[in-house]
Amino acid sequence: MLLAPFVCAAVLARTWHWSVLAALAAVFLAFAAKEPLVVIARQRFRWRTQRPETAAARRWLAIEAAALIVFGVLLALRWPLPALLILGAAAAAFSVLAVVITVRNRQRSALFQMASSIALTSSALAACLSAKGRVENWCWALWGLAAFNAFAGILTVHARLDARAALKKAAAPSTFRTPAIAAQIALIAAAAAACFLRRPWIAAALFISAAANAWDLKQQRNPTALGTPLNRVGLRALALSIVFCTLLTIGLW
């Protein structure tokens, strides 16, 4: 969700500027800074005794913050000031939210993960701003479609987790199954709209994603298929994301 939209936007820009590398570094550092922040927050609000990892977390955070300042200054030479301030404030706000959610052990919340998909896929904006000096119309489409695809995938995974839990505990049916099915129907509707607009590659990306997720939802009715290791499920989701982003890039070219 973080790197694929960035790469797609960098390719779709059809031009190169050195600040693309600065944007990539800034995006990565903003994402990575969450880990030491979580340790420091846990030390402050959760842990009763001083832990050795806290000192290491403070050192890493100081290094990452200093590097972010350097790359932020470099990006200020290329990005319009309003865009820099808006994206910087949004990244900071999301980092605070992510730390609070993680410290409270709510990081598996579907709502938080869907919010994360919006934040992470916005890396496309950073790549476009660096390459073009502004956000092009195709970049808004890239961001929206990437986030939309991530929504559908997240709901499908949560439906699988619910189905696994229900199988073990003979619990009620999945809370997320109906929303996941609705998300795939929405993807198919978007694919039909793309066909109407004569965007066959975008339509193919949306349809393939919906079909793969629908197949996964069908397999969730099979107790044997539910035993598939989650790391293998994750690799399938990664492969689907790569296919989706590749077709989307072709369609927006």
Protein backbone atom coordinates (compact mmCIF):
# COMPACT_ATOMS: atom_id res chain seq x y z
CA MET A 1 0.00 0.00 0.00
CA LEU A 2 2.91 2.36 0.61
CA LEU A 3 5.45 1.62 -2.11
CA ALA A 4 3.34 0.37 -5.04
CA PRO A 5 1.34 3.61 -5.54
CA PHE A 6 4.57 5.63 -5.22
CA VAL A 7 6.26 3.58 -7.94
CA CYS A 8 3.16 3.76 -10.16
CA ALA A 9 3.02 7.55 -9.83
CA ALA A 10 6.75 7.86 -10.54
CA VAL A 11 6.29 5.82 -13.73
CA LEU A 12 3.15 7.67 -14.82
CA ALA A 13 4.85 11.03 -14.38
CA ARG A 14 6.95 10.18 -17.48
CA THR A 15 9.69 12.47 -16.25
CA TRP A 16 12.43 12.43 -13.64
CA HIS A 17 13.47 14.82 -10.92
CA TRP A 18 16.01 14.22 -8.15
CA SER A 19 13.41 15.09 -5.50
CA VAL A 20 11.61 11.81 -6.25
CA LEU A 21 14.34 10.07 -4.24
CA ALA A 22 13.95 12.63 -1.44
CA ALA A 23 10.19 11.99 -1.43
CA LEU A 24 10.73 8.22 -1.31
CA ALA A 25 13.11 8.61 1.65
CA ALA A 26 10.69 10.95 3.44
CA VAL A 27 7.75 8.58 2.89
CA PHE A 28 9.75 5.64 4.22
CA LEU A 29 11.05 7.56 7.23
CA ALA A 30 7.59 8.87 8.13
CA PHE A 31 6.34 5.27 8.07
CA ALA A 32 9.32 3.85 9.96
CA ALA A 33 9.20 6.50 12.71
CA LYS A 34 6.04 4.90 14.08
CA GLU A 35 7.98 1.99 15.60
CA PRO A 36 10.22 3.98 17.97
CA LEU A 37 7.30 6.30 18.75
CA VAL A 38 5.23 3.30 19.86
CA VAL A 39 8.02 2.08 22.17
CA ILE A 40 8.42 5.54 23.71
CA ALA A 41 4.65 5.90 24.17
CA ARG A 42 4.40 2.49 25.80
CA GLN A 43 7.22 3.42 28.16
CA ARG A 44 5.40 6.63 29.06
CA PHE A 45 1.86 5.31 29.44
CA ARG A 46 1.99 1.52 29.84
CA TRP A 47 5.22 0.16 31.26
CA ARG A 48 5.94 0.61 34.94
CA THR A 49 9.69 -0.01 34.76
CA GLN A 50 12.31 1.42 32.44
CA ARG A 51 13.07 -0.95 29.55
CA PRO A 52 16.32 -1.09 27.57
CA GLU A 53 14.61 -0.80 24.19
CA THR A 54 13.34 2.66 25.10
CA ALA A 55 16.80 4.23 24.92
CA ALA A 56 17.40 2.63 21.51
CA ALA A 57 13.98 3.87 20.34
CA ARG A 58 14.84 7.45 21.38
CA ARG A 59 18.12 7.28 19.46
CA TRP A 60 16.43 5.94 16.33
CA LEU A 61 13.68 8.53 16.56
CA ALA A 62 16.24 11.33 16.83
CA ILE A 63 18.07 10.03 13.74
CA GLU A 64 14.86 9.60 11.75
CA ALA A 65 13.52 13.02 12.80
CA ALA A 66 16.78 14.71 11.75
CA ALA A 67 16.71 12.92 8.40
CA LEU A 68 13.05 13.88 7.90
CA ILE A 69 13.92 17.53 8.47
CA VAL A 70 16.69 17.33 5.88
CA PHE A 71 14.46 15.68 3.28
CA GLY A 72 11.63 18.07 4.15
CA VAL A 73 13.89 21.02 3.35
CA LEU A 74 14.85 19.40 0.04
CA LEU A 75 11.21 18.82 -0.83
CA ALA A 76 10.41 22.45 0.01
CA LEU A 77 12.64 23.39 -2.93
CA ARG A 78 10.35 21.48 -5.29
CA TRP A 79 6.86 21.21 -3.79
CA PRO A 80 4.37 24.08 -3.54
CA LEU A 81 4.31 25.25 0.09
CA PRO A 82 0.58 24.49 0.65
CA ALA A 83 1.08 20.90 -0.55
CA LEU A 84 4.12 20.46 1.69
CA LEU A 85 2.24 21.79 4.74
CA ILE A 86 -0.91 19.76 4.07
CA LEU A 87 0.87 16.46 3.43
CA GLY A 88 3.28 17.04 6.31
CA ALA A 89 0.44 17.79 8.74
CA ALA A 90 -1.57 14.80 7.49
CA ALA A 91 1.44 12.49 7.92
CA ALA A 92 2.06 13.79 11.44
CA ALA A 93 -1.62 13.42 12.40
CA PHE A 94 -1.77 9.89 11.06
CA SER A 95 1.44 8.96 12.91
CA VAL A 96 -0.10 10.17 16.18
CA LEU A 97 -3.28 8.19 15.46
CA ALA A 98 -1.28 5.07 14.60
CA VAL A 99 0.74 5.32 17.82
CA VAL A 100 -2.40 5.78 19.95
CA ILE A 101 -4.17 2.87 18.25
CA THR A 102 -1.12 0.59 18.59
CA VAL A 103 -0.50 1.45 22.25
CA ARG A 104 -4.13 0.53 22.90
CA ASN A 105 -3.65 -2.73 20.95
CA ARG A 106 -6.33 -1.78 18.44
CA GLN A 107 -4.12 -1.95 15.35
CA ARG A 108 -6.19 -4.82 13.94
CA SER A 109 -9.30 -2.64 13.82
CA ALA A 110 -10.80 -2.74 10.32
CA LEU A 111 -11.67 0.96 10.45
CA PHE A 112 -8.10 1.85 11.36
CA GLN A 113 -6.70 -0.37 8.64
CA MET A 114 -8.99 1.20 6.05
CA ALA A 115 -7.90 4.64 7.24
CA SER A 116 -4.32 3.39 6.91
CA SER A 117 -4.96 2.40 3.30
CA ILE A 118 -5.96 5.99 2.50
CA ALA A 119 -2.87 7.35 4.25
CA LEU A 120 -0.39 4.86 2.82
CA THR A 121 -1.61 4.99 -0.78
CA SER A 122 -1.32 8.79 -0.66
CA SER A 123 2.40 8.20 -1.26
CA ALA A 124 1.39 8.52 -4.94
CA LEU A 125 0.84 12.24 -4.32
CA ALA A 126 4.38 12.63 -3.01
CA ALA A 127 5.86 10.98 -6.08
CA CYS A 128 3.77 13.09 -8.45
CA LEU A 129 4.59 16.34 -6.63
CA SER A 130 8.29 15.58 -6.86
CA ALA A 131 8.27 14.51 -10.48
CA LYS A 132 5.86 17.12 -11.86
CA GLY A 133 5.82 19.88 -9.24
CA ARG A 134 2.03 19.52 -8.90
CA VAL A 135 -0.62 16.82 -8.48
CA GLU A 136 -1.96 15.75 -11.87
CA ASN A 137 -5.53 14.54 -12.41
CA TRP A 138 -4.37 11.00 -13.11
CA CYS A 139 -2.69 10.94 -9.69
CA TRP A 140 -5.98 11.58 -7.90
CA ALA A 141 -7.45 8.66 -9.84
CA LEU A 142 -4.46 6.48 -8.97
CA TRP A 143 -4.76 7.31 -5.28
CA GLY A 144 -8.52 6.73 -5.19
CA LEU A 145 -8.44 3.44 -7.07
CA ALA A 146 -5.49 2.11 -5.05
CA ALA A 147 -7.25 2.95 -1.79
CA PHE A 148 -10.51 1.45 -3.10
CA ASN A 149 -8.73 -1.78 -3.98
CA ALA A 150 -7.10 -1.85 -0.55
CA PHE A 151 -10.51 -1.45 1.14
CA ALA A 152 -11.85 -4.51 -0.65
CA GLY A 153 -8.77 -6.55 0.25
CA ILE A 154 -8.85 -5.53 3.91
CA LEU A 155 -12.51 -6.50 4.27
CA THR A 156 -11.80 -9.85 2.61
CA VAL A 157 -8.96 -10.58 5.02
CA HIS A 158 -11.11 -9.64 8.02
CA ALA A 159 -13.85 -11.92 6.73
CA ARG A 160 -11.28 -14.73 6.61
CA LEU A 161 -10.10 -14.01 10.16
CA ASP A 162 -13.71 -14.05 11.40
CA ALA A 163 -14.37 -17.31 9.56
CA ARG A 164 -11.29 -18.91 11.14
CA ALA A 165 -12.38 -17.78 14.59
CA ALA A 166 -15.93 -19.02 14.00
CA LEU A 167 -14.63 -22.41 12.87
CA LYS A 168 -12.60 -22.85 16.06
CA LYS A 169 -15.23 -21.57 18.48
CA ALA A 170 -18.43 -22.46 16.66
CA ALA A 171 -19.19 -18.75 16.82
CA ALA A 172 -21.61 -16.60 14.82
CA PRO A 173 -21.00 -15.96 11.10
CA SER A 174 -18.47 -13.35 10.04
CA THR A 175 -19.31 -9.72 10.71
CA PHE A 176 -17.22 -8.70 7.71
CA ARG A 177 -18.50 -11.14 5.10
CA THR A 178 -21.42 -9.02 3.92
CA PRO A 179 -19.36 -5.79 3.72
CA ALA A 180 -16.63 -7.73 1.88
CA ILE A 181 -19.14 -9.03 -0.67
CA ALA A 182 -20.53 -5.50 -1.08
CA ALA A 183 -17.00 -4.21 -1.69
CA GLN A 184 -16.46 -6.71 -4.51
CA ILE A 185 -19.79 -5.72 -6.08
CA ALA A 186 -18.63 -2.10 -5.91
CA LEU A 187 -15.37 -3.07 -7.64
CA ILE A 188 -17.31 -4.80 -10.41
CA ALA A 189 -19.55 -1.74 -10.79
CA ALA A 190 -16.44 0.44 -11.04
CA ALA A 191 -15.04 -1.96 -13.65
CA ALA A 192 -18.25 -1.59 -15.67
CA ALA A 193 -17.96 2.20 -15.42
CA ALA A 194 -14.36 1.99 -16.64
CA CYS A 195 -15.50 -0.08 -19.61
CA PHE A 196 -18.14 2.55 -20.41
CA LEU A 197 -15.41 5.22 -20.28
CA ARG A 198 -13.26 3.09 -22.60
CA ARG A 199 -10.61 2.33 -20.02
CA PRO A 200 -10.21 -1.43 -20.56
CA TRP A 201 -6.99 -1.82 -18.58
CA ILE A 202 -8.46 -0.10 -15.53
CA ALA A 203 -11.59 -2.23 -15.93
CA ALA A 204 -9.41 -5.35 -16.06
CA ALA A 205 -7.55 -4.30 -12.90
CA LEU A 206 -10.79 -3.77 -10.98
CA PHE A 207 -12.43 -6.95 -12.27
CA ILE A 208 -9.41 -9.16 -11.55
CA SER A 209 -9.20 -7.78 -8.01
CA ALA A 210 -12.93 -8.37 -7.44
CA ALA A 211 -12.72 -11.89 -8.90
CA ALA A 212 -9.72 -12.83 -6.75
CA ASN A 213 -11.38 -11.53 -3.59
CA ALA A 214 -14.67 -13.24 -4.49
CA TRP A 215 -12.79 -16.52 -4.96
CA ASP A 216 -11.20 -16.04 -1.53
CA LEU A 217 -14.61 -15.39 0.03
CA LYS A 218 -15.95 -18.56 -1.60
CA GLN A 219 -13.00 -20.55 -0.27
CA GLN A 220 -13.75 -19.28 3.22
CA ARG A 221 -16.78 -21.61 3.23
CA ASN A 222 -14.34 -24.55 3.05
CA PRO A 223 -12.82 -25.51 6.44
CA THR A 224 -9.77 -27.01 4.70
CA ALA A 225 -9.10 -23.82 2.74
CA LEU A 226 -9.44 -21.79 5.94
CA GLY A 227 -6.41 -23.66 7.26
CA THR A 228 -4.17 -21.98 4.67
CA PRO A 229 -1.32 -20.23 6.55
CA LEU A 230 -1.87 -16.49 6.77
CA ASN A 231 1.60 -15.78 5.38
CA ARG A 232 0.57 -17.58 2.19
CA VAL A 233 -2.65 -15.55 2.12
CA GLY A 234 -0.51 -12.43 2.51
CA LEU A 235 1.71 -13.42 -0.40
CA ARG A 236 -1.36 -13.94 -2.58
CA ALA A 237 -2.60 -10.49 -1.60
CA LEU A 238 0.79 -9.02 -2.46
CA ALA A 239 0.78 -10.70 -5.87
CA LEU A 240 -2.76 -9.43 -6.51
CA SER A 241 -1.68 -5.90 -5.53
CA ILE A 242 1.24 -6.01 -7.96
CA VAL A 243 -1.02 -7.19 -10.80
CA PHE A 244 -3.61 -4.53 -9.93
CA CYS A 245 -1.07 -1.71 -9.83
CA THR A 246 0.57 -2.85 -13.07
CA LEU A 247 -2.74 -2.90 -14.96
CA LEU A 248 -3.75 0.39 -13.36
CA THR A 249 -0.50 2.01 -14.49
CA ILE A 250 -1.05 0.79 -18.05
CA GLY A 251 -4.62 2.07 -17.95
CA LEU A 252 -3.61 5.53 -16.75
CA TRP A 253 -0.63 5.84 -19.09
